[in-house]
Protein backbone atom coordinates (compact mmCIF):
# COMPACT_ATOMS: atom_id res chain seq x y z
CA MET A 1 -130.35 29.06 134.49
CA VAL A 2 -129.60 32.51 135.83
CA ARG A 3 -130.44 35.74 134.08
CA PRO A 4 -127.90 36.68 131.39
CA ALA A 5 -126.93 39.81 133.33
CA TYR A 6 -125.75 37.63 136.23
CA ARG A 7 -123.57 35.34 134.10
CA SER A 8 -120.71 37.83 134.00
CA ARG A 9 -118.23 38.34 136.83
CA SER A 10 -119.09 42.02 137.21
CA ARG A 11 -121.29 40.94 140.14
CA ARG A 12 -119.82 38.85 142.92
CA ARG A 13 -121.42 35.62 144.05
CA VAL A 14 -122.41 35.40 147.70
CA TYR A 15 -123.51 32.01 149.02
CA LYS A 16 -126.33 32.22 151.57
CA ARG A 17 -127.87 29.49 153.72
CA THR A 18 -131.65 29.53 153.87
CA PRO A 19 -133.58 28.46 156.99
CA GLY A 20 -134.56 25.29 155.12
CA GLY A 21 -130.90 24.26 154.84
CA LYS A 22 -130.42 24.97 151.14
CA THR A 23 -127.54 27.07 149.86
CA VAL A 24 -128.55 29.71 147.34
CA VAL A 25 -126.48 32.18 145.36
CA HIS A 26 -127.07 35.92 145.69
CA TYR A 27 -125.45 38.30 143.23
CA GLU A 28 -124.12 41.58 144.64
CA LYS A 29 -122.37 44.51 143.04
CA ARG A 30 -118.67 44.62 143.79
CA LYS A 31 -117.20 47.25 146.06
CA PRO A 32 -115.14 50.03 144.46
CA SER A 33 -111.39 50.14 144.90
CA GLN A 34 -109.80 51.52 148.06
CA PRO A 35 -109.19 55.30 148.03
CA VAL A 36 -105.48 56.08 147.73
CA CYS A 37 -103.23 58.99 148.69
CA ALA A 38 -102.82 61.63 145.98
CA ILE A 39 -99.07 61.85 146.60
CA CYS A 40 -97.71 58.40 147.43
CA GLY A 41 -100.57 56.16 146.25
CA ARG A 42 -100.94 54.20 149.50
CA PRO A 43 -104.45 53.25 150.68
CA LEU A 44 -106.04 55.89 152.89
CA GLY A 45 -106.93 54.95 156.44
CA GLY A 46 -110.27 55.96 157.86
CA VAL A 47 -111.96 56.20 154.46
CA PRO A 48 -114.56 53.49 153.79
CA ARG A 49 -114.93 51.48 150.62
CA GLY A 50 -118.45 51.70 149.36
CA ARG A 51 -120.72 52.57 146.50
CA PRO A 52 -122.22 56.08 146.47
CA VAL A 53 -125.55 54.68 147.66
CA GLU A 54 -123.88 53.26 150.78
CA LEU A 55 -121.77 56.36 151.41
CA ARG A 56 -124.82 58.62 151.17
CA LYS A 57 -126.30 56.93 154.23
CA MET A 58 -123.17 57.58 156.33
CA ALA A 59 -122.47 60.70 158.35
CA LYS A 60 -119.91 63.18 157.07
CA THR A 61 -117.47 62.33 159.87
CA GLU A 62 -117.61 58.62 158.99
CA LYS A 63 -116.51 59.24 155.40
CA ARG A 64 -113.12 60.86 155.99
CA PRO A 65 -110.72 61.82 158.82
CA GLU A 66 -111.16 65.16 160.61
CA ARG A 67 -107.85 66.75 159.64
CA PRO A 68 -106.64 69.02 156.83
CA TYR A 69 -106.61 67.14 153.51
CA GLY A 70 -108.45 64.26 155.22
CA GLY A 71 -109.57 61.68 152.67
CA TYR A 72 -107.16 63.05 150.08
CA ILE A 73 -103.61 62.80 151.50
CA CYS A 74 -102.37 60.14 153.94
CA ALA A 75 -101.08 61.10 157.39
CA SER A 76 -97.40 60.50 156.62
CA CYS A 77 -97.48 62.66 153.47
CA LEU A 78 -99.31 65.40 155.39
CA ARG A 79 -96.59 65.28 158.05
CA THR A 80 -93.98 65.71 155.30
CA LEU A 81 -95.90 68.68 153.88
CA TYR A 82 -96.04 70.29 157.33
CA LYS A 83 -92.29 69.85 157.79
CA TYR A 84 -91.66 71.38 154.38
CA ALA A 85 -93.94 74.35 155.14
CA VAL A 86 -92.26 74.99 158.50
CA SER A 87 -88.79 74.84 156.97
CA LYS A 88 -89.82 77.45 154.38
CA LEU A 89 -90.72 80.00 157.12
């Protein structure tokens, strides 16, 4: 019987093959949801899904795009904002 903490579905089950040929179950924490655009709500490209422990090991440039509002607003919404700002000039 597994530990009571592993009986819930808050951890995902990953089936691994051992060198001896047996299949064992490993329990891993689930990944967080995909980051979404603050305006339209679409998933952001170039932003990884990961727990803070995993993201801490990544470089700053791997965590979000190198553009204004990168990791916060998607490219199409940013283009719309630029067009709006230019039309206001």
